[in-house]
Amino acid sequence: MTTPISPIGSTPAPAAAGGGDGGLRKAAEAFEAVILRQLMASMRQAKLGEDIFGSSATDNFREMADAKTADSIAAMRQFGIADMVERQFRSQLGAGGGGIQ
């Protein structure tokens, strides 16, 4: 079995997190990123003032910037959501004999 190549500047190899399954780690980070994107979108909807430069193009670029920011924050694993998801699925994999692939 081969190990996926991690991008430069990312966290250490999955083995350092207590297992050799990089797919579970990436899925947990992706889940955290989705939650963070939703959080950021909700914050953007609570506008406190009128946006004088607002347009649909500006909104699109803000959404892309928010998505990239959410991905970066999730990769840092500072919120702990990915860690909890990964820990929960690892315990289920250990008890169930590896039913999820």
C-alpha atoms as a PDB file:
ATOM      1  CA  MET A   1       0.000   0.000   0.000  1.00  0.00           C
ATOM      2  CA  THR A   2       1.332   3.451  -0.833  1.00  0.00           C
ATOM      3  CA  THR A   3       1.025   6.603   1.219  1.00  0.00           C
ATOM      4  CA  PRO A   4      -0.466   9.718  -0.398  1.00  0.00           C
ATOM      5  CA  ILE A   5       1.929  12.607  -0.946  1.00  0.00           C
ATOM      6  CA  SER A   6       1.067  15.542   1.273  1.00  0.00           C
ATOM      7  CA  PRO A   7       1.398  19.121   0.004  1.00  0.00           C
ATOM      8  CA  ILE A   8       4.278  21.298   1.144  1.00  0.00           C
ATOM      9  CA  GLY A   9       3.588  23.057   4.414  1.00  0.00           C
ATOM     10  CA  SER A  10       0.923  20.639   5.566  1.00  0.00           C
ATOM     11  CA  THR A  11       0.762  18.769   8.831  1.00  0.00           C
ATOM     12  CA  PRO A  12       3.037  15.750   9.467  1.00  0.00           C
ATOM     13  CA  ALA A  13       2.382  12.349   7.973  1.00  0.00           C
ATOM     14  CA  PRO A  14      -0.834  10.578   9.049  1.00  0.00           C
ATOM     15  CA  ALA A  15       1.196   8.107  11.119  1.00  0.00           C
ATOM     16  CA  ALA A  16       1.947  10.948  13.527  1.00  0.00           C
ATOM     17  CA  ALA A  17      -1.788  11.301  14.178  1.00  0.00           C
ATOM     18  CA  GLY A  18      -2.068   7.755  15.452  1.00  0.00           C
ATOM     19  CA  GLY A  19      -2.807   5.835  12.283  1.00  0.00           C
ATOM     20  CA  GLY A  20      -1.792   5.168   8.740  1.00  0.00           C
ATOM     21  CA  ASP A  21      -5.057   6.089   7.029  1.00  0.00           C
ATOM     22  CA  GLY A  22      -4.566   9.459   5.349  1.00  0.00           C
ATOM     23  CA  GLY A  23      -8.002   9.256   3.709  1.00  0.00           C
ATOM     24  CA  LEU A  24      -9.832   9.451   7.018  1.00  0.00           C
ATOM     25  CA  ARG A  25      -7.733  12.408   8.095  1.00  0.00           C
ATOM     26  CA  LYS A  26      -8.416  14.264   4.840  1.00  0.00           C
ATOM     27  CA  ALA A  27     -12.135  13.501   5.026  1.00  0.00           C
ATOM     28  CA  ALA A  28     -12.279  14.816   8.597  1.00  0.00           C
ATOM     29  CA  GLU A  29     -10.485  18.010   7.533  1.00  0.00           C
ATOM     30  CA  ALA A  30     -12.846  18.410   4.580  1.00  0.00           C
ATOM     31  CA  PHE A  31     -15.831  18.037   6.925  1.00  0.00           C
ATOM     32  CA  GLU A  32     -14.399  20.710   9.229  1.00  0.00           C
ATOM     33  CA  ALA A  33     -13.860  22.986   6.213  1.00  0.00           C
ATOM     34  CA  VAL A  34     -17.516  22.591   5.198  1.00  0.00           C
ATOM     35  CA  ILE A  35     -18.651  23.576   8.688  1.00  0.00           C
ATOM     36  CA  LEU A  36     -16.307  26.573   8.681  1.00  0.00           C
ATOM     37  CA  ARG A  37     -17.589  27.674   5.252  1.00  0.00           C
ATOM     38  CA  GLN A  38     -21.153  27.580   6.577  1.00  0.00           C
ATOM     39  CA  LEU A  39     -20.092  29.567   9.641  1.00  0.00           C
ATOM     40  CA  MET A  40     -18.378  32.195   7.505  1.00  0.00           C
ATOM     41  CA  ALA A  41     -21.385  32.416   5.162  1.00  0.00           C
ATOM     42  CA  SER A  42     -23.668  33.003   8.142  1.00  0.00           C
ATOM     43  CA  MET A  43     -21.370  35.743   9.406  1.00  0.00           C
ATOM     44  CA  ARG A  44     -21.368  37.403   5.971  1.00  0.00           C
ATOM     45  CA  GLN A  45     -25.177  37.422   5.919  1.00  0.00           C
ATOM     46  CA  ALA A  46     -25.278  39.436   9.145  1.00  0.00           C
ATOM     47  CA  LYS A  47     -24.284  42.677   7.439  1.00  0.00           C
ATOM     48  CA  LEU A  48     -23.935  45.576   9.832  1.00  0.00           C
ATOM     49  CA  GLY A  49     -23.852  48.209   7.128  1.00  0.00           C
ATOM     50  CA  GLU A  50     -24.452  48.757   3.442  1.00  0.00           C
ATOM     51  CA  ASP A  51     -21.697  47.560   1.115  1.00  0.00           C
ATOM     52  CA  ILE A  52     -21.045  50.487  -1.218  1.00  0.00           C
ATOM     53  CA  PHE A  53     -18.861  48.386  -3.533  1.00  0.00           C
ATOM     54  CA  GLY A  54     -21.141  45.352  -3.469  1.00  0.00           C
ATOM     55  CA  SER A  55     -21.852  43.411  -6.633  1.00  0.00           C
ATOM     56  CA  SER A  56     -22.397  39.805  -7.641  1.00  0.00           C
ATOM     57  CA  ALA A  57     -18.754  39.595  -8.782  1.00  0.00           C
ATOM     58  CA  THR A  58     -17.557  40.836  -5.401  1.00  0.00           C
ATOM     59  CA  ASP A  59     -19.801  38.304  -3.677  1.00  0.00           C
ATOM     60  CA  ASN A  60     -18.382  35.497  -5.809  1.00  0.00           C
ATOM     61  CA  PHE A  61     -14.810  36.470  -4.993  1.00  0.00           C
ATOM     62  CA  ARG A  62     -15.651  36.725  -1.291  1.00  0.00           C
ATOM     63  CA  GLU A  63     -17.165  33.241  -1.378  1.00  0.00           C
ATOM     64  CA  MET A  64     -14.027  31.857  -3.033  1.00  0.00           C
ATOM     65  CA  ALA A  65     -11.806  33.642  -0.526  1.00  0.00           C
ATOM     66  CA  ASP A  66     -13.929  32.334   2.353  1.00  0.00           C
ATOM     67  CA  ALA A  67     -13.700  28.774   0.970  1.00  0.00           C
ATOM     68  CA  LYS A  68      -9.903  29.008   0.742  1.00  0.00           C
ATOM     69  CA  THR A  69      -9.717  30.474   4.241  1.00  0.00           C
ATOM     70  CA  ALA A  70     -11.933  27.689   5.611  1.00  0.00           C
ATOM     71  CA  ASP A  71      -9.712  25.066   3.947  1.00  0.00           C
ATOM     72  CA  SER A  72      -6.597  26.660   5.444  1.00  0.00           C
ATOM     73  CA  ILE A  73      -8.099  26.872   8.931  1.00  0.00           C
ATOM     74  CA  ALA A  74      -9.272  23.246   8.731  1.00  0.00           C
ATOM     75  CA  ALA A  75      -5.785  22.136   7.656  1.00  0.00           C
ATOM     76  CA  MET A  76      -4.348  23.782  10.788  1.00  0.00           C
ATOM     77  CA  ARG A  77      -6.801  21.712  12.885  1.00  0.00           C
ATOM     78  CA  GLN A  78      -7.267  24.481  15.449  1.00  0.00           C
ATOM     79  CA  PHE A  79     -11.025  24.062  15.988  1.00  0.00           C
ATOM     80  CA  GLY A  80     -10.824  20.369  16.864  1.00  0.00           C
ATOM     81  CA  ILE A  81     -13.812  19.305  14.767  1.00  0.00           C
ATOM     82  CA  ALA A  82     -11.675  17.204  12.427  1.00  0.00           C
ATOM     83  CA  ASP A  83      -9.913  15.600  15.389  1.00  0.00           C
ATOM     84  CA  MET A  84     -13.230  14.606  16.975  1.00  0.00           C
ATOM     85  CA  VAL A  85     -14.600  13.202  13.718  1.00  0.00           C
ATOM     86  CA  GLU A  86     -11.389  11.287  13.056  1.00  0.00           C
ATOM     87  CA  ARG A  87     -11.295   9.919  16.609  1.00  0.00           C
ATOM     88  CA  GLN A  88     -14.933   8.797  16.405  1.00  0.00           C
ATOM     89  CA  PHE A  89     -14.459   6.960  13.119  1.00  0.00           C
ATOM     90  CA  ARG A  90     -11.169   5.408  14.219  1.00  0.00           C
ATOM     91  CA  SER A  91     -12.897   3.951  17.284  1.00  0.00           C
ATOM     92  CA  GLN A  92     -15.686   2.574  15.069  1.00  0.00           C
ATOM     93  CA  LEU A  93     -13.131   1.091  12.672  1.00  0.00           C
ATOM     94  CA  GLY A  94     -11.290  -0.545  15.543  1.00  0.00           C
ATOM     95  CA  ALA A  95     -14.474  -2.011  17.071  1.00  0.00           C
ATOM     96  CA  GLY A  96     -16.088  -2.989  13.778  1.00  0.00           C
ATOM     97  CA  GLY A  97     -13.092  -4.626  12.184  1.00  0.00           C
ATOM     98  CA  GLY A  98     -12.589  -2.053   9.436  1.00  0.00           C
ATOM     99  CA  GLY A  99     -15.978  -2.000   7.731  1.00  0.00           C
ATOM    100  CA  ILE A 100     -15.444   1.475   6.223  1.00  0.00           C
ATOM    101  CA  GLN A 101     -12.986   1.829   3.367  1.00  0.00           C
END
